[in-house]
Amino acid sequence: MAINKNALIRYKTIDKCLQNNYRQWTLNDLIEACSDVLHEYEGREINVSRRTIQLDIQMMRSDKLGYNAPIIVYDRKFYKYEDEDFSITDIPLTENDMNVLSETVEMLKQFKDFSLFSELGGIIQRLEDKVYTEKTHQASIIHLDKNENLKGLEHLDLLYQAILKKIVLRITYKSFKARNASQIVFHPFILKEFNNRWFLVGVTGNKPHISTFALDRIHKVDYDLDIPYRNENFNGDDFYKNTIGVTVLDEKHIQEVILKIERSNAPYVTTKPFHTTQEVLETAKDGSVTIKLCVHINFELERLILGFGDAIEVLKPRILRKRIRRKLQDAVKKYEE
């Protein structure tokens, strides 16, 4: 059941009112209290109807949200909790709640490198304490693949803040092919994760094309507040719409790629598509599947195809078919006696 923010604010406000046993609460009093709180949150007048509060009370009384609030009416017009110590914030967590919270905590902890989540640190800790004090500690059911030893993760938050605040960077970077590290003036646009590696995407100096730097090759990062930031409204979804991985090439490298996958591996490709452009062209009688992609022919695509070994065949384009064949032939030579 979807519940909007204002409804939750009203429930909390009604709960706070009914916990105050030093005054009597009519329906109009509850309406006024909710209206005042919503005005404070939204910064504008919000008219809360009698019907809305009546439905809120009905919802709080029910078990739909797990509240089961013992709200009663006395003297035909005043509302209160029959149990004076009741509060919707003190409801014990169910076993299912515990399981969900436990897994949520584990997933949130994956983003601990970002200061965006640093404010959640205390909340996560309290959640862990709540979960572990109310249930026996057990191993996480959900396991997320993350390499804690990957170099460059220490730069994540600094880079994130630079993108958020639109600050130019001076990056000391050394690619795998370079002999020495070089300093680069960089305008960061987004951070991208692929295959358990992080990448910084943006533009270098005054150059027009987009550049991508692997975080594990960044040696040092400094802010440069003297250079104006190039705010170019970069859209990552559009930029990578025809790309597998992070290597985006010119539009001329976007081609229709036709692949044939043998029967035993066909279900893996149809249930987990290589790319959003994937289409199934044919399902043969022998169970094999022919698919079509519209993507850049880049290193990541080749690596993906090679990962399937003899279970996949490149039908088109010819240049990719020849390239994969050559790589497979070179691989076979390494195993010849």
C-alpha atoms as a PDB file:
ATOM      1  CA  MET A   1       0.000   0.000   0.000  1.00  0.00           C
ATOM      2  CA  ALA A   2       1.478   3.334  -1.072  1.00  0.00           C
ATOM      3  CA  ILE A   3       1.292   6.068   1.578  1.00  0.00           C
ATOM      4  CA  ASN A   4       2.231   9.634   0.804  1.00  0.00           C
ATOM      5  CA  LYS A   5       4.371  11.842   2.999  1.00  0.00           C
ATOM      6  CA  ASN A   6       1.491  14.043   4.188  1.00  0.00           C
ATOM      7  CA  ALA A   7      -0.482  11.031   5.398  1.00  0.00           C
ATOM      8  CA  LEU A   8       2.481   9.854   7.486  1.00  0.00           C
ATOM      9  CA  ILE A   9       2.869  13.361   8.925  1.00  0.00           C
ATOM     10  CA  ARG A  10      -0.831  13.356   9.886  1.00  0.00           C
ATOM     11  CA  TYR A  11      -0.571   9.928  11.557  1.00  0.00           C
ATOM     12  CA  LYS A  12       2.425  11.077  13.573  1.00  0.00           C
ATOM     13  CA  THR A  13       0.664  14.320  14.541  1.00  0.00           C
ATOM     14  CA  ILE A  14      -2.497  12.552  15.648  1.00  0.00           C
ATOM     15  CA  ASP A  15      -0.382  10.107  17.627  1.00  0.00           C
ATOM     16  CA  LYS A  16       1.456  12.946  19.369  1.00  0.00           C
ATOM     17  CA  CYS A  17      -1.833  14.658  20.237  1.00  0.00           C
ATOM     18  CA  LEU A  18      -3.422  11.538  21.677  1.00  0.00           C
ATOM     19  CA  GLN A  19      -0.339  10.890  23.826  1.00  0.00           C
ATOM     20  CA  ASN A  20      -1.020  14.208  25.558  1.00  0.00           C
ATOM     21  CA  ASN A  21      -3.481  13.234  28.272  1.00  0.00           C
ATOM     22  CA  TYR A  22      -3.538  16.718  29.799  1.00  0.00           C
ATOM     23  CA  ARG A  23      -6.054  18.028  27.302  1.00  0.00           C
ATOM     24  CA  GLN A  24      -9.088  16.745  25.482  1.00  0.00           C
ATOM     25  CA  TRP A  25      -8.970  16.288  21.718  1.00  0.00           C
ATOM     26  CA  THR A  26     -11.958  16.859  19.491  1.00  0.00           C
ATOM     27  CA  LEU A  27     -11.969  16.089  15.793  1.00  0.00           C
ATOM     28  CA  ASN A  28     -11.581  19.812  15.082  1.00  0.00           C
ATOM     29  CA  ASP A  29      -8.566  19.963  17.399  1.00  0.00           C
ATOM     30  CA  LEU A  30      -6.899  17.130  15.475  1.00  0.00           C
ATOM     31  CA  ILE A  31      -7.708  18.824  12.158  1.00  0.00           C
ATOM     32  CA  GLU A  32      -6.158  22.066  13.380  1.00  0.00           C
ATOM     33  CA  ALA A  33      -3.047  20.308  14.699  1.00  0.00           C
ATOM     34  CA  CYS A  34      -2.492  18.443  11.419  1.00  0.00           C
ATOM     35  CA  SER A  35      -3.065  21.596   9.378  1.00  0.00           C
ATOM     36  CA  ASP A  36      -0.503  23.515  11.466  1.00  0.00           C
ATOM     37  CA  VAL A  37       2.159  20.816  11.115  1.00  0.00           C
ATOM     38  CA  LEU A  38       1.594  20.449   7.359  1.00  0.00           C
ATOM     39  CA  HIS A  39       1.807  24.213   6.977  1.00  0.00           C
ATOM     40  CA  GLU A  40       5.171  24.134   8.764  1.00  0.00           C
ATOM     41  CA  TYR A  41       6.452  21.328   6.525  1.00  0.00           C
ATOM     42  CA  GLU A  42       5.117  22.606   3.211  1.00  0.00           C
ATOM     43  CA  GLY A  43       5.355  26.379   3.804  1.00  0.00           C
ATOM     44  CA  ARG A  44       1.804  26.909   2.550  1.00  0.00           C
ATOM     45  CA  GLU A  45      -1.746  26.607   3.770  1.00  0.00           C
ATOM     46  CA  ILE A  46      -3.117  23.084   3.476  1.00  0.00           C
ATOM     47  CA  ASN A  47      -6.801  22.492   4.185  1.00  0.00           C
ATOM     48  CA  VAL A  48      -7.272  19.181   5.951  1.00  0.00           C
ATOM     49  CA  SER A  49     -10.887  18.006   5.777  1.00  0.00           C
ATOM     50  CA  ARG A  50     -12.896  16.271   8.501  1.00  0.00           C
ATOM     51  CA  ARG A  51     -13.238  13.268   6.215  1.00  0.00           C
ATOM     52  CA  THR A  52      -9.450  13.017   5.831  1.00  0.00           C
ATOM     53  CA  ILE A  53      -8.832  12.909   9.604  1.00  0.00           C
ATOM     54  CA  GLN A  54     -11.693  10.451  10.100  1.00  0.00           C
ATOM     55  CA  LEU A  55     -10.123   8.156   7.503  1.00  0.00           C
ATOM     56  CA  ASP A  56      -6.710   8.627   9.155  1.00  0.00           C
ATOM     57  CA  ILE A  57      -8.126   7.533  12.504  1.00  0.00           C
ATOM     58  CA  GLN A  58      -9.794   4.563  10.840  1.00  0.00           C
ATOM     59  CA  MET A  59      -6.495   3.612   9.186  1.00  0.00           C
ATOM     60  CA  MET A  60      -4.577   3.945  12.442  1.00  0.00           C
ATOM     61  CA  ARG A  61      -7.127   1.710  14.193  1.00  0.00           C
ATOM     62  CA  SER A  62      -6.751  -0.997  11.558  1.00  0.00           C
ATOM     63  CA  ASP A  63      -3.918  -3.461  11.080  1.00  0.00           C
ATOM     64  CA  LYS A  64      -3.219  -2.346   7.509  1.00  0.00           C
ATOM     65  CA  LEU A  65      -0.166  -0.398   8.675  1.00  0.00           C
ATOM     66  CA  GLY A  66       0.414  -2.582  11.708  1.00  0.00           C
ATOM     67  CA  TYR A  67      -0.682   0.206  14.099  1.00  0.00           C
ATOM     68  CA  ASN A  68      -3.873  -1.303  15.597  1.00  0.00           C
ATOM     69  CA  ALA A  69      -4.130   1.953  17.537  1.00  0.00           C
ATOM     70  CA  PRO A  70      -6.651   1.717  20.430  1.00  0.00           C
ATOM     71  CA  ILE A  71      -8.318   5.042  19.632  1.00  0.00           C
ATOM     72  CA  ILE A  72     -11.648   5.496  21.394  1.00  0.00           C
ATOM     73  CA  VAL A  73     -14.239   8.264  21.578  1.00  0.00           C
ATOM     74  CA  TYR A  74     -15.597   9.351  24.938  1.00  0.00           C
ATOM     75  CA  ASP A  75     -18.350  11.808  25.788  1.00  0.00           C
ATOM     76  CA  ARG A  76     -19.270  11.407  22.101  1.00  0.00           C
ATOM     77  CA  LYS A  77     -16.737  13.991  20.926  1.00  0.00           C
ATOM     78  CA  PHE A  78     -13.290  13.499  22.500  1.00  0.00           C
ATOM     79  CA  TYR A  79     -10.598  11.170  21.177  1.00  0.00           C
ATOM     80  CA  LYS A  80      -7.903   9.391  23.178  1.00  0.00           C
ATOM     81  CA  TYR A  81      -5.869   6.207  23.416  1.00  0.00           C
ATOM     82  CA  GLU A  82      -7.583   3.596  25.567  1.00  0.00           C
ATOM     83  CA  ASP A  83      -4.081   2.511  26.564  1.00  0.00           C
ATOM     84  CA  GLU A  84      -2.504   5.744  27.780  1.00  0.00           C
ATOM     85  CA  ASP A  85       1.017   4.418  27.151  1.00  0.00           C
ATOM     86  CA  PHE A  86       0.327   3.511  23.520  1.00  0.00           C
ATOM     87  CA  SER A  87       2.190   5.143  20.623  1.00  0.00           C
ATOM     88  CA  ILE A  88       2.496   4.121  16.989  1.00  0.00           C
ATOM     89  CA  THR A  89       6.260   4.718  17.328  1.00  0.00           C
ATOM     90  CA  ASP A  90       6.541   1.992  19.970  1.00  0.00           C
ATOM     91  CA  ILE A  91       5.005  -0.832  17.968  1.00  0.00           C
ATOM     92  CA  PRO A  92       7.169  -3.982  18.212  1.00  0.00           C
ATOM     93  CA  LEU A  93       8.714  -5.121  14.962  1.00  0.00           C
ATOM     94  CA  THR A  94       7.480  -8.346  13.420  1.00  0.00           C
ATOM     95  CA  GLU A  95       9.827 -11.104  12.296  1.00  0.00           C
ATOM     96  CA  ASN A  96       9.258 -10.065   8.691  1.00  0.00           C
ATOM     97  CA  ASP A  97      10.095  -6.458   9.640  1.00  0.00           C
ATOM     98  CA  MET A  98      13.329  -7.713  11.183  1.00  0.00           C
ATOM     99  CA  ASN A  99      14.314  -9.638   8.068  1.00  0.00           C
ATOM    100  CA  VAL A 100      13.585  -6.682   5.791  1.00  0.00           C
ATOM    101  CA  LEU A 101      15.480  -4.248   8.041  1.00  0.00           C
ATOM    102  CA  SER A 102      18.433  -6.588   8.352  1.00  0.00           C
ATOM    103  CA  GLU A 103      18.855  -6.874   4.585  1.00  0.00           C
ATOM    104  CA  THR A 104      18.216  -3.154   4.085  1.00  0.00           C
ATOM    105  CA  VAL A 105      20.998  -2.344   6.541  1.00  0.00           C
ATOM    106  CA  GLU A 106      23.405  -4.582   4.629  1.00  0.00           C
ATOM    107  CA  MET A 107      22.541  -2.892   1.323  1.00  0.00           C
ATOM    108  CA  LEU A 108      22.826   0.626   2.758  1.00  0.00           C
ATOM    109  CA  LYS A 109      26.259  -0.187   4.148  1.00  0.00           C
ATOM    110  CA  GLN A 110      27.478  -0.788   0.579  1.00  0.00           C
ATOM    111  CA  PHE A 111      27.349   2.999   0.078  1.00  0.00           C
ATOM    112  CA  LYS A 112      29.351   3.922   3.163  1.00  0.00           C
ATOM    113  CA  ASP A 113      32.046   5.586   1.006  1.00  0.00           C
ATOM    114  CA  PHE A 114      29.706   8.493   0.171  1.00  0.00           C
ATOM    115  CA  SER A 115      29.216  11.325   2.647  1.00  0.00           C
ATOM    116  CA  LEU A 116      25.689  11.514   1.236  1.00  0.00           C
ATOM    117  CA  PHE A 117      25.079   8.474   3.399  1.00  0.00           C
ATOM    118  CA  SER A 118      27.203   9.582   6.343  1.00  0.00           C
ATOM    119  CA  GLU A 119      24.167  11.148   7.972  1.00  0.00           C
ATOM    120  CA  LEU A 120      22.557   7.743   7.715  1.00  0.00           C
ATOM    121  CA  GLY A 121      25.457   6.228   9.634  1.00  0.00           C
ATOM    122  CA  GLY A 122      23.821   6.762  13.001  1.00  0.00           C
ATOM    123  CA  ILE A 123      20.461   5.621  11.692  1.00  0.00           C
ATOM    124  CA  ILE A 124      21.996   2.472  10.237  1.00  0.00           C
ATOM    125  CA  GLN A 125      23.750   1.785  13.535  1.00  0.00           C
ATOM    126  CA  ARG A 126      20.499   2.201  15.443  1.00  0.00           C
ATOM    127  CA  LEU A 127      18.737  -0.066  12.982  1.00  0.00           C
ATOM    128  CA  GLU A 128      21.414  -2.690  13.494  1.00  0.00           C
ATOM    129  CA  ASP A 129      21.076  -2.370  17.247  1.00  0.00           C
ATOM    130  CA  LYS A 130      17.299  -2.653  17.005  1.00  0.00           C
ATOM    131  CA  VAL A 131      17.474  -5.673  14.761  1.00  0.00           C
ATOM    132  CA  TYR A 132      20.163  -7.490  16.708  1.00  0.00           C
ATOM    133  CA  THR A 133      18.544  -6.894  20.090  1.00  0.00           C
ATOM    134  CA  GLU A 134      15.232  -8.289  18.910  1.00  0.00           C
ATOM    135  CA  LYS A 135      16.427 -11.294  16.920  1.00  0.00           C
ATOM    136  CA  THR A 136      19.300 -13.740  16.907  1.00  0.00           C
ATOM    137  CA  HIS A 137      22.172 -12.511  14.769  1.00  0.00           C
ATOM    138  CA  GLN A 138      22.451 -14.489  11.563  1.00  0.00           C
ATOM    139  CA  ALA A 139      24.322 -14.230   8.285  1.00  0.00           C
ATOM    140  CA  SER A 140      22.890 -11.919   5.641  1.00  0.00           C
ATOM    141  CA  ILE A 141      20.635 -13.569   3.095  1.00  0.00           C
ATOM    142  CA  ILE A 142      21.528 -11.025   0.406  1.00  0.00           C
ATOM    143  CA  HIS A 143      25.178 -10.914  -0.629  1.00  0.00           C
ATOM    144  CA  LEU A 144      26.272  -8.007  -2.776  1.00  0.00           C
ATOM    145  CA  ASP A 145      29.484  -8.300  -4.751  1.00  0.00           C
ATOM    146  CA  LYS A 146      31.868  -5.556  -3.691  1.00  0.00           C
ATOM    147  CA  ASN A 147      35.638  -5.528  -3.666  1.00  0.00           C
ATOM    148  CA  GLU A 148      36.652  -3.647  -0.532  1.00  0.00           C
ATOM    149  CA  ASN A 149      40.313  -3.750  -1.625  1.00  0.00           C
ATOM    150  CA  LEU A 150      39.680  -1.969  -4.915  1.00  0.00           C
ATOM    151  CA  LYS A 151      41.948   1.061  -5.241  1.00  0.00           C
ATOM    152  CA  GLY A 152      40.419   4.492  -5.668  1.00  0.00           C
ATOM    153  CA  LEU A 153      37.376   4.019  -3.460  1.00  0.00           C
ATOM    154  CA  GLU A 154      38.824   6.591  -1.058  1.00  0.00           C
ATOM    155  CA  HIS A 155      38.182   9.245  -3.743  1.00  0.00           C
ATOM    156  CA  LEU A 156      34.482   8.438  -4.132  1.00  0.00           C
ATOM    157  CA  ASP A 157      33.099  10.975  -1.717  1.00  0.00           C
ATOM    158  CA  LEU A 158      35.415  13.810  -2.751  1.00  0.00           C
ATOM    159  CA  LEU A 159      34.437  13.263  -6.388  1.00  0.00           C
ATOM    160  CA  TYR A 160      30.772  13.031  -5.506  1.00  0.00           C
ATOM    161  CA  GLN A 161      30.940  16.335  -3.657  1.00  0.00           C
ATOM    162  CA  ALA A 162      32.734  17.974  -6.589  1.00  0.00           C
ATOM    163  CA  ILE A 163      29.960  16.889  -8.963  1.00  0.00           C
ATOM    164  CA  LEU A 164      27.262  17.973  -6.527  1.00  0.00           C
ATOM    165  CA  LYS A 165      28.840  21.407  -5.974  1.00  0.00           C
ATOM    166  CA  LYS A 166      30.052  21.796  -9.598  1.00  0.00           C
ATOM    167  CA  ILE A 167      33.743  22.159  -8.772  1.00  0.00           C
ATOM    168  CA  VAL A 168      36.617  21.694 -11.224  1.00  0.00           C
ATOM    169  CA  LEU A 169      39.211  19.085 -10.310  1.00  0.00           C
ATOM    170  CA  ARG A 170      42.946  18.647 -10.782  1.00  0.00           C
ATOM    171  CA  ILE A 171      43.477  14.918 -11.081  1.00  0.00           C
ATOM    172  CA  THR A 172      46.775  13.092 -11.008  1.00  0.00           C
ATOM    173  CA  TYR A 173      46.114  10.118 -13.238  1.00  0.00           C
ATOM    174  CA  LYS A 174      48.179   7.229 -14.584  1.00  0.00           C
ATOM    175  CA  SER A 175      46.629   4.907 -17.137  1.00  0.00           C
ATOM    176  CA  PHE A 176      47.808   1.319 -17.513  1.00  0.00           C
ATOM    177  CA  LYS A 177      49.673   2.264 -20.700  1.00  0.00           C
ATOM    178  CA  ALA A 178      51.345   5.446 -19.407  1.00  0.00           C
ATOM    179  CA  ARG A 179      54.863   5.409 -17.975  1.00  0.00           C
ATOM    180  CA  ASN A 180      54.251   8.384 -15.705  1.00  0.00           C
ATOM    181  CA  ALA A 181      51.246   9.983 -14.032  1.00  0.00           C
ATOM    182  CA  SER A 182      49.977  13.277 -15.436  1.00  0.00           C
ATOM    183  CA  GLN A 183      47.916  16.106 -13.959  1.00  0.00           C
ATOM    184  CA  ILE A 184      44.609  16.805 -15.667  1.00  0.00           C
ATOM    185  CA  VAL A 185      42.096  19.636 -15.282  1.00  0.00           C
ATOM    186  CA  PHE A 186      38.768  17.875 -15.204  1.00  0.00           C
ATOM    187  CA  HIS A 187      35.101  18.918 -15.100  1.00  0.00           C
ATOM    188  CA  PRO A 188      33.268  15.965 -13.483  1.00  0.00           C
ATOM    189  CA  PHE A 189      29.699  15.128 -14.568  1.00  0.00           C
ATOM    190  CA  ILE A 190      28.809  11.735 -13.106  1.00  0.00           C
ATOM    191  CA  LEU A 191      30.214   8.699 -11.306  1.00  0.00           C
ATOM    192  CA  LYS A 192      29.544   5.393 -13.034  1.00  0.00           C
ATOM    193  CA  GLU A 193      29.880   1.845 -11.738  1.00  0.00           C
ATOM    194  CA  PHE A 194      30.404  -1.091 -14.069  1.00  0.00           C
ATOM    195  CA  ASN A 195      31.545  -4.628 -13.357  1.00  0.00           C
ATOM    196  CA  ASN A 196      32.433  -3.725  -9.761  1.00  0.00           C
ATOM    197  CA  ARG A 197      34.679  -0.813 -10.830  1.00  0.00           C
ATOM    198  CA  TRP A 198      33.992   2.917 -10.466  1.00  0.00           C
ATOM    199  CA  PHE A 199      34.599   5.514 -13.173  1.00  0.00           C
ATOM    200  CA  LEU A 200      34.584   9.312 -13.275  1.00  0.00           C
ATOM    201  CA  VAL A 201      32.937  10.783 -16.365  1.00  0.00           C
ATOM    202  CA  GLY A 202      33.293  14.372 -17.566  1.00  0.00           C
ATOM    203  CA  VAL A 203      35.368  16.631 -19.811  1.00  0.00           C
ATOM    204  CA  THR A 204      39.062  17.502 -19.744  1.00  0.00           C
ATOM    205  CA  GLY A 205      39.990  21.198 -19.821  1.00  0.00           C
ATOM    206  CA  ASN A 206      38.414  22.830 -22.878  1.00  0.00           C
ATOM    207  CA  LYS A 207      38.110  19.640 -24.910  1.00  0.00           C
ATOM    208  CA  PRO A 208      34.644  18.914 -26.319  1.00  0.00           C
ATOM    209  CA  HIS A 209      34.504  15.125 -25.982  1.00  0.00           C
ATOM    210  CA  ILE A 210      33.581  13.127 -22.899  1.00  0.00           C
ATOM    211  CA  SER A 211      36.397  11.389 -21.023  1.00  0.00           C
ATOM    212  CA  THR A 212      36.220   8.473 -18.595  1.00  0.00           C
ATOM    213  CA  PHE A 213      38.767   7.829 -15.848  1.00  0.00           C
ATOM    214  CA  ALA A 214      38.910   4.681 -13.727  1.00  0.00           C
ATOM    215  CA  LEU A 215      39.095   5.541 -10.038  1.00  0.00           C
ATOM    216  CA  ASP A 216      41.664   2.826  -9.431  1.00  0.00           C
ATOM    217  CA  ARG A 217      44.089   4.744 -11.696  1.00  0.00           C
ATOM    218  CA  ILE A 218      43.615   8.095  -9.927  1.00  0.00           C
ATOM    219  CA  HIS A 219      46.543   8.871  -7.623  1.00  0.00           C
ATOM    220  CA  LYS A 220      45.458  12.258  -6.284  1.00  0.00           C
ATOM    221  CA  VAL A 221      42.495  14.634  -6.456  1.00  0.00           C
ATOM    222  CA  ASP A 222      42.466  18.373  -5.702  1.00  0.00           C
ATOM    223  CA  TYR A 223      39.814  21.070  -6.091  1.00  0.00           C
ATOM    224  CA  ASP A 224      40.515  24.069  -8.337  1.00  0.00           C
ATOM    225  CA  LEU A 225      38.117  26.851  -7.345  1.00  0.00           C
ATOM    226  CA  ASP A 226      39.641  29.376  -9.795  1.00  0.00           C
ATOM    227  CA  ILE A 227      38.406  27.639 -12.956  1.00  0.00           C
ATOM    228  CA  PRO A 228      34.727  28.085 -13.917  1.00  0.00           C
ATOM    229  CA  TYR A 229      32.836  24.797 -14.070  1.00  0.00           C
ATOM    230  CA  ARG A 230      31.478  23.699 -17.453  1.00  0.00           C
ATOM    231  CA  ASN A 231      27.816  23.071 -16.743  1.00  0.00           C
ATOM    232  CA  GLU A 232      26.682  21.209 -19.851  1.00  0.00           C
ATOM    233  CA  ASN A 233      23.588  19.354 -18.566  1.00  0.00           C
ATOM    234  CA  PHE A 234      25.172  15.982 -19.227  1.00  0.00           C
ATOM    235  CA  ASN A 235      22.682  13.087 -19.285  1.00  0.00           C
ATOM    236  CA  GLY A 236      24.237   9.726 -18.461  1.00  0.00           C
ATOM    237  CA  ASP A 237      21.242   7.708 -19.626  1.00  0.00           C
ATOM    238  CA  ASP A 238      21.399   9.268 -23.085  1.00  0.00           C
ATOM    239  CA  PHE A 239      25.173   9.032 -23.271  1.00  0.00           C
ATOM    240  CA  TYR A 240      25.275   5.288 -22.496  1.00  0.00           C
ATOM    241  CA  LYS A 241      22.046   4.249 -24.239  1.00  0.00           C
ATOM    242  CA  ASN A 242      23.928   2.294 -26.938  1.00  0.00           C
ATOM    243  CA  THR A 243      26.850   1.154 -24.832  1.00  0.00           C
ATOM    244  CA  ILE A 244      27.752  -1.974 -22.935  1.00  0.00           C
ATOM    245  CA  GLY A 245      30.185  -0.906 -20.230  1.00  0.00           C
ATOM    246  CA  VAL A 246      31.868   2.503 -20.156  1.00  0.00           C
ATOM    247  CA  THR A 247      33.652   2.783 -23.522  1.00  0.00           C
ATOM    248  CA  VAL A 248      31.487   5.100 -25.619  1.00  0.00           C
ATOM    249  CA  LEU A 249      32.648   5.444 -29.226  1.00  0.00           C
ATOM    250  CA  ASP A 250      31.533   7.605 -32.141  1.00  0.00           C
ATOM    251  CA  GLU A 251      28.067   7.006 -33.593  1.00  0.00           C
ATOM    252  CA  LYS A 252      29.648   5.295 -36.602  1.00  0.00           C
ATOM    253  CA  HIS A 253      30.643   2.482 -34.248  1.00  0.00           C
ATOM    254  CA  ILE A 254      26.992   1.828 -33.327  1.00  0.00           C
ATOM    255  CA  GLN A 255      25.970  -1.201 -35.352  1.00  0.00           C
ATOM    256  CA  GLU A 256      23.420  -3.963 -35.420  1.00  0.00           C
ATOM    257  CA  VAL A 257      25.058  -6.957 -33.804  1.00  0.00           C
ATOM    258  CA  ILE A 258      23.471 -10.352 -34.557  1.00  0.00           C
ATOM    259  CA  LEU A 259      24.388 -13.170 -32.190  1.00  0.00           C
ATOM    260  CA  LYS A 260      23.367 -16.809 -32.083  1.00  0.00           C
ATOM    261  CA  ILE A 261      23.375 -18.500 -28.676  1.00  0.00           C
ATOM    262  CA  GLU A 262      23.227 -22.271 -28.396  1.00  0.00           C
ATOM    263  CA  ARG A 263      20.406 -24.007 -26.526  1.00  0.00           C
ATOM    264  CA  SER A 264      21.934 -24.524 -23.073  1.00  0.00           C
ATOM    265  CA  ASN A 265      22.918 -20.859 -22.724  1.00  0.00           C
ATOM    266  CA  ALA A 266      19.907 -19.319 -24.479  1.00  0.00           C
ATOM    267  CA  PRO A 267      17.810 -18.960 -21.292  1.00  0.00           C
ATOM    268  CA  TYR A 268      20.570 -16.950 -19.599  1.00  0.00           C
ATOM    269  CA  VAL A 269      20.655 -14.454 -22.453  1.00  0.00           C
ATOM    270  CA  THR A 270      16.883 -14.121 -22.840  1.00  0.00           C
ATOM    271  CA  THR A 271      16.223 -13.690 -19.105  1.00  0.00           C
ATOM    272  CA  LYS A 272      19.226 -11.414 -18.556  1.00  0.00           C
ATOM    273  CA  PRO A 273      19.610  -9.374 -21.761  1.00  0.00           C
ATOM    274  CA  PHE A 274      23.031  -8.130 -22.794  1.00  0.00           C
ATOM    275  CA  HIS A 275      21.595  -4.655 -23.373  1.00  0.00           C
ATOM    276  CA  THR A 276      18.312  -2.748 -23.384  1.00  0.00           C
ATOM    277  CA  THR A 277      18.292  -2.790 -27.203  1.00  0.00           C
ATOM    278  CA  GLN A 278      18.286  -6.600 -27.305  1.00  0.00           C
ATOM    279  CA  GLU A 279      15.636  -8.240 -29.485  1.00  0.00           C
ATOM    280  CA  VAL A 280      15.006 -11.932 -30.059  1.00  0.00           C
ATOM    281  CA  LEU A 281      14.968 -12.483 -33.826  1.00  0.00           C
ATOM    282  CA  GLU A 282      14.479 -16.241 -33.879  1.00  0.00           C
ATOM    283  CA  THR A 283      14.119 -19.241 -31.610  1.00  0.00           C
ATOM    284  CA  ALA A 284      15.190 -22.297 -33.596  1.00  0.00           C
ATOM    285  CA  LYS A 285      13.815 -25.821 -33.271  1.00  0.00           C
ATOM    286  CA  ASP A 286      17.064 -26.951 -31.669  1.00  0.00           C
ATOM    287  CA  GLY A 287      16.535 -24.401 -28.858  1.00  0.00           C
ATOM    288  CA  SER A 288      19.169 -21.931 -29.978  1.00  0.00           C
ATOM    289  CA  VAL A 289      18.286 -18.231 -30.028  1.00  0.00           C
ATOM    290  CA  THR A 290      19.296 -15.457 -32.407  1.00  0.00           C
ATOM    291  CA  ILE A 291      19.302 -11.955 -30.950  1.00  0.00           C
ATOM    292  CA  LYS A 292      19.981  -8.453 -32.214  1.00  0.00           C
ATOM    293  CA  LEU A 293      21.684  -5.596 -30.366  1.00  0.00           C
ATOM    294  CA  CYS A 294      22.209  -1.986 -31.414  1.00  0.00           C
ATOM    295  CA  VAL A 295      25.413  -1.042 -29.590  1.00  0.00           C
ATOM    296  CA  HIS A 296      28.930   0.307 -29.882  1.00  0.00           C
ATOM    297  CA  ILE A 297      31.426  -2.368 -30.892  1.00  0.00           C
ATOM    298  CA  ASN A 298      33.753  -1.822 -27.977  1.00  0.00           C
ATOM    299  CA  PHE A 299      36.061  -3.774 -25.712  1.00  0.00           C
ATOM    300  CA  GLU A 300      33.329  -4.601 -23.214  1.00  0.00           C
ATOM    301  CA  LEU A 301      31.104  -6.115 -25.908  1.00  0.00           C
ATOM    302  CA  GLU A 302      33.970  -8.286 -27.155  1.00  0.00           C
ATOM    303  CA  ARG A 303      34.750  -9.414 -23.627  1.00  0.00           C
ATOM    304  CA  LEU A 304      31.114 -10.280 -23.021  1.00  0.00           C
ATOM    305  CA  ILE A 305      30.962 -12.387 -26.177  1.00  0.00           C
ATOM    306  CA  LEU A 306      34.256 -14.123 -25.451  1.00  0.00           C
ATOM    307  CA  GLY A 307      32.976 -14.989 -21.995  1.00  0.00           C
ATOM    308  CA  PHE A 308      30.456 -17.355 -23.578  1.00  0.00           C
ATOM    309  CA  GLY A 309      33.180 -19.266 -25.409  1.00  0.00           C
ATOM    310  CA  ASP A 310      31.822 -21.774 -27.927  1.00  0.00           C
ATOM    311  CA  ALA A 311      28.215 -21.183 -26.791  1.00  0.00           C
ATOM    312  CA  ILE A 312      27.863 -18.036 -28.890  1.00  0.00           C
ATOM    313  CA  GLU A 313      28.444 -17.138 -32.548  1.00  0.00           C
ATOM    314  CA  VAL A 314      28.713 -13.667 -34.044  1.00  0.00           C
ATOM    315  CA  LEU A 315      26.705 -13.589 -37.282  1.00  0.00           C
ATOM    316  CA  LYS A 316      26.962  -9.851 -37.978  1.00  0.00           C
ATOM    317  CA  PRO A 317      28.700  -7.497 -38.490  1.00  0.00           C
ATOM    318  CA  ARG A 318      31.526  -9.103 -40.376  1.00  0.00           C
ATOM    319  CA  ILE A 319      34.232  -6.992 -38.727  1.00  0.00           C
ATOM    320  CA  LEU A 320      33.188  -8.163 -35.258  1.00  0.00           C
ATOM    321  CA  ARG A 321      32.910 -11.780 -36.415  1.00  0.00           C
ATOM    322  CA  LYS A 322      36.470 -11.671 -37.780  1.00  0.00           C
ATOM    323  CA  ARG A 323      37.778  -9.998 -34.633  1.00  0.00           C
ATOM    324  CA  ILE A 324      36.233 -12.602 -32.308  1.00  0.00           C
ATOM    325  CA  ARG A 325      37.437 -15.440 -34.536  1.00  0.00           C
ATOM    326  CA  ARG A 326      40.998 -14.093 -34.439  1.00  0.00           C
ATOM    327  CA  LYS A 327      40.944 -13.799 -30.655  1.00  0.00           C
ATOM    328  CA  LEU A 328      39.619 -17.347 -30.282  1.00  0.00           C
ATOM    329  CA  GLN A 329      42.255 -18.655 -32.656  1.00  0.00           C
ATOM    330  CA  ASP A 330      44.975 -16.863 -30.672  1.00  0.00           C
ATOM    331  CA  ALA A 331      43.548 -18.359 -27.477  1.00  0.00           C
ATOM    332  CA  VAL A 332      43.634 -21.888 -28.939  1.00  0.00           C
ATOM    333  CA  LYS A 333      47.313 -21.461 -29.870  1.00  0.00           C
ATOM    334  CA  LYS A 334      48.145 -20.895 -26.224  1.00  0.00           C
ATOM    335  CA  TYR A 335      46.882 -24.403 -25.417  1.00  0.00           C
ATOM    336  CA  GLU A 336      48.554 -26.219 -28.310  1.00  0.00           C
ATOM    337  CA  GLU A 337      51.409 -28.475 -27.312  1.00  0.00           C
END
